């Protein structure tokens, strides 16, 4: 699949770091699976991974976490 930003790079499987902020919560998740453009560096996180990230953020917010760094773990 071609990158929608630069229009020339072919996306490749890779990993990225995602930072989520909500209210007083800052959650950093490392090693998140993503498709990455080798040309411009744009990163695309799939729907299932995004749903997992949002669920983790909800859990952290309910637990009263303010700042946390985690490694991505598939459900």
N, C-alpha and C. Protein backbone atom coordinates (compact mmCIF):
# COMPACT_ATOMS: atom_id res chain seq x y z
N UNK A 1 0.84 -1.18 0.00
CA UNK A 1 0.00 0.00 0.00
C UNK A 1 0.89 1.24 0.00
N UNK A 2 0.52 2.24 -0.75
CA UNK A 2 1.26 3.50 -0.83
C UNK A 2 0.91 4.40 0.35
N UNK A 3 1.88 5.20 0.76
CA UNK A 3 1.68 6.19 1.82
C UNK A 3 0.74 7.28 1.32
N UNK A 4 -0.23 7.65 2.15
CA UNK A 4 -1.17 8.70 1.75
C UNK A 4 -0.59 10.09 1.95
N UNK A 5 0.51 10.20 2.66
CA UNK A 5 1.12 11.51 2.89
C UNK A 5 2.07 11.88 1.75
N UNK A 6 3.09 11.04 1.51
CA UNK A 6 4.08 11.38 0.47
C UNK A 6 3.72 10.81 -0.90
N UNK A 7 2.79 9.88 -0.93
CA UNK A 7 2.30 9.26 -2.17
C UNK A 7 3.32 8.40 -2.91
N UNK A 8 4.52 8.22 -2.35
CA UNK A 8 5.50 7.44 -3.09
C UNK A 8 6.06 6.25 -2.31
N UNK A 9 6.03 6.29 -0.98
CA UNK A 9 6.58 5.20 -0.18
C UNK A 9 5.65 4.02 -0.09
N UNK A 10 6.21 2.81 -0.13
CA UNK A 10 5.45 1.58 0.09
C UNK A 10 5.51 1.26 1.58
N UNK A 11 4.36 1.13 2.23
CA UNK A 11 4.33 0.88 3.66
C UNK A 11 4.94 -0.47 3.99
N UNK A 12 5.68 -0.51 5.12
CA UNK A 12 6.32 -1.73 5.59
C UNK A 12 5.94 -1.95 7.05
N UNK A 13 5.83 -3.21 7.43
CA UNK A 13 5.52 -3.54 8.82
C UNK A 13 6.66 -3.06 9.71
N UNK A 14 6.29 -2.47 10.84
CA UNK A 14 7.29 -1.97 11.77
C UNK A 14 6.68 -1.74 13.14
N UNK A 15 7.34 -0.94 13.94
CA UNK A 15 6.88 -0.63 15.30
C UNK A 15 7.03 0.87 15.51
N UNK A 16 6.20 1.41 16.41
CA UNK A 16 6.23 2.83 16.72
C UNK A 16 5.93 3.03 18.21
N UNK A 17 6.07 4.25 18.65
CA UNK A 17 5.69 4.64 20.00
C UNK A 17 4.49 5.57 19.88
N UNK A 18 3.45 5.30 20.68
CA UNK A 18 2.23 6.09 20.66
C UNK A 18 2.08 6.80 22.00
N UNK A 19 1.81 8.09 21.96
CA UNK A 19 1.55 8.87 23.17
C UNK A 19 0.07 9.26 23.18
N UNK A 20 -0.62 8.90 24.25
CA UNK A 20 -2.04 9.24 24.41
C UNK A 20 -2.17 10.17 25.61
N UNK A 21 -2.91 11.26 25.43
CA UNK A 21 -3.17 12.19 26.52
C UNK A 21 -4.68 12.38 26.66
N UNK A 22 -5.15 12.28 27.88
CA UNK A 22 -6.58 12.46 28.15
C UNK A 22 -6.71 13.03 29.56
N UNK A 23 -7.28 14.23 29.66
CA UNK A 23 -7.39 14.85 30.97
C UNK A 23 -6.02 14.96 31.60
N UNK A 24 -5.84 14.37 32.78
CA UNK A 24 -4.56 14.40 33.46
C UNK A 24 -3.68 13.20 33.17
N UNK A 25 -4.10 12.31 32.27
CA UNK A 25 -3.36 11.09 31.97
C UNK A 25 -2.46 11.28 30.75
N UNK A 26 -1.21 10.86 30.89
CA UNK A 26 -0.30 10.76 29.75
C UNK A 26 0.21 9.32 29.73
N UNK A 27 -0.12 8.61 28.65
CA UNK A 27 0.25 7.21 28.51
C UNK A 27 1.12 7.06 27.27
N UNK A 28 2.31 6.51 27.46
CA UNK A 28 3.23 6.26 26.35
C UNK A 28 3.32 4.75 26.17
N UNK A 29 3.02 4.28 24.96
CA UNK A 29 3.06 2.85 24.67
C UNK A 29 4.12 2.62 23.60
N UNK A 30 5.12 1.81 23.94
CA UNK A 30 6.23 1.54 23.04
C UNK A 30 6.02 0.21 22.31
N UNK A 31 6.69 0.05 21.20
CA UNK A 31 6.67 -1.18 20.39
C UNK A 31 5.29 -1.52 19.86
N UNK A 32 4.55 -0.49 19.45
CA UNK A 32 3.21 -0.69 18.88
C UNK A 32 3.36 -1.09 17.41
N UNK A 33 2.72 -2.20 17.00
CA UNK A 33 2.78 -2.60 15.59
C UNK A 33 2.14 -1.54 14.69
N UNK A 34 2.81 -1.21 13.61
CA UNK A 34 2.30 -0.18 12.69
C UNK A 34 2.88 -0.43 11.30
N UNK A 35 2.22 0.14 10.31
CA UNK A 35 2.78 0.19 8.97
C UNK A 35 3.51 1.53 8.87
N UNK A 36 4.76 1.49 8.42
CA UNK A 36 5.61 2.68 8.41
C UNK A 36 6.09 2.95 6.99
N UNK A 37 6.05 4.22 6.60
CA UNK A 37 6.54 4.62 5.28
C UNK A 37 8.05 4.84 5.39
N UNK A 38 8.85 4.11 4.59
CA UNK A 38 10.30 4.29 4.64
C UNK A 38 10.75 5.61 4.01
N UNK A 39 9.88 6.24 3.24
CA UNK A 39 10.22 7.49 2.56
C UNK A 39 10.06 8.70 3.48
N UNK A 40 8.88 8.85 4.11
CA UNK A 40 8.62 10.05 4.92
C UNK A 40 8.50 9.75 6.41
N UNK A 41 8.41 8.46 6.78
CA UNK A 41 8.33 8.11 8.19
C UNK A 41 6.94 8.10 8.78
N UNK A 42 5.93 8.40 7.99
CA UNK A 42 4.55 8.38 8.50
C UNK A 42 4.21 6.99 9.01
N UNK A 43 3.47 6.93 10.12
CA UNK A 43 3.13 5.66 10.75
C UNK A 43 1.61 5.49 10.78
N UNK A 44 1.17 4.28 10.47
CA UNK A 44 -0.25 3.96 10.43
C UNK A 44 -0.52 2.80 11.38
N UNK A 45 -1.38 3.03 12.38
CA UNK A 45 -1.73 2.00 13.35
C UNK A 45 -3.11 1.46 12.95
N UNK A 46 -3.22 0.14 12.87
CA UNK A 46 -4.47 -0.50 12.44
C UNK A 46 -5.60 -0.36 13.46
N UNK A 47 -6.79 -0.69 13.01
CA UNK A 47 -8.01 -0.54 13.81
C UNK A 47 -7.99 -1.40 15.07
N UNK A 48 -7.59 -2.66 14.97
CA UNK A 48 -7.58 -3.54 16.13
C UNK A 48 -6.55 -3.08 17.17
N UNK A 49 -5.39 -2.64 16.71
CA UNK A 49 -4.36 -2.14 17.61
C UNK A 49 -4.83 -0.85 18.29
N UNK A 50 -5.47 0.02 17.52
CA UNK A 50 -6.01 1.27 18.08
C UNK A 50 -7.04 0.97 19.17
N UNK A 51 -7.92 0.01 18.92
CA UNK A 51 -8.93 -0.36 19.92
C UNK A 51 -8.25 -0.85 21.19
N UNK A 52 -7.18 -1.64 21.05
CA UNK A 52 -6.44 -2.13 22.22
C UNK A 52 -5.78 -0.98 22.98
N UNK A 53 -5.20 -0.03 22.25
CA UNK A 53 -4.57 1.13 22.89
C UNK A 53 -5.59 1.96 23.67
N UNK A 54 -6.76 2.17 23.10
CA UNK A 54 -7.80 2.94 23.78
C UNK A 54 -8.31 2.21 25.02
N UNK A 55 -8.41 0.88 24.95
CA UNK A 55 -8.84 0.10 26.11
C UNK A 55 -7.80 0.21 27.23
N UNK A 56 -6.53 0.15 26.89
CA UNK A 56 -5.46 0.30 27.88
C UNK A 56 -5.51 1.69 28.50
N UNK A 57 -5.75 2.71 27.69
CA UNK A 57 -5.85 4.08 28.21
C UNK A 57 -7.03 4.22 29.16
N UNK A 58 -8.16 3.60 28.82
CA UNK A 58 -9.33 3.64 29.71
C UNK A 58 -9.02 2.99 31.05
N UNK A 59 -8.36 1.83 31.01
CA UNK A 59 -7.98 1.13 32.25
C UNK A 59 -7.07 2.00 33.11
N UNK A 60 -6.09 2.62 32.48
CA UNK A 60 -5.14 3.47 33.21
C UNK A 60 -5.84 4.68 33.81
N UNK A 61 -6.75 5.29 33.06
CA UNK A 61 -7.48 6.45 33.57
C UNK A 61 -8.34 6.06 34.77
N UNK A 62 -9.01 4.91 34.69
CA UNK A 62 -9.84 4.45 35.82
C UNK A 62 -9.00 4.15 37.05
N UNK A 63 -7.75 3.72 36.83
CA UNK A 63 -6.86 3.40 37.94
C UNK A 63 -6.21 4.64 38.54
N UNK A 64 -6.45 5.80 37.94
CA UNK A 64 -5.90 7.04 38.47
C UNK A 64 -4.47 7.33 38.06
N UNK A 65 -4.00 6.66 37.01
CA UNK A 65 -2.63 6.87 36.53
C UNK A 65 -2.51 8.29 35.97
N UNK A 66 -1.38 8.93 36.26
CA UNK A 66 -1.11 10.26 35.71
C UNK A 66 -0.12 10.19 34.55
N UNK A 67 0.98 9.46 34.74
CA UNK A 67 1.98 9.28 33.69
C UNK A 67 2.47 7.84 33.76
N UNK A 68 2.50 7.19 32.58
CA UNK A 68 2.96 5.81 32.56
C UNK A 68 3.56 5.49 31.19
N UNK A 69 4.59 4.64 31.21
CA UNK A 69 5.21 4.14 29.97
C UNK A 69 5.06 2.63 30.00
N UNK A 70 4.51 2.08 28.91
CA UNK A 70 4.28 0.63 28.80
C UNK A 70 4.80 0.11 27.48
N UNK A 71 5.02 -1.21 27.44
CA UNK A 71 5.30 -1.91 26.19
C UNK A 71 3.96 -2.45 25.69
N UNK A 72 3.74 -2.41 24.38
CA UNK A 72 2.50 -2.93 23.81
C UNK A 72 2.43 -4.43 23.99
N UNK A 73 1.25 -4.89 24.44
CA UNK A 73 0.99 -6.33 24.60
C UNK A 73 -0.33 -6.60 23.88
N UNK A 74 -0.31 -7.48 22.90
CA UNK A 74 -1.54 -7.84 22.19
C UNK A 74 -2.48 -8.56 23.14
N UNK A 75 -3.76 -8.35 22.93
CA UNK A 75 -4.77 -8.98 23.80
C UNK A 75 -4.82 -10.47 23.65
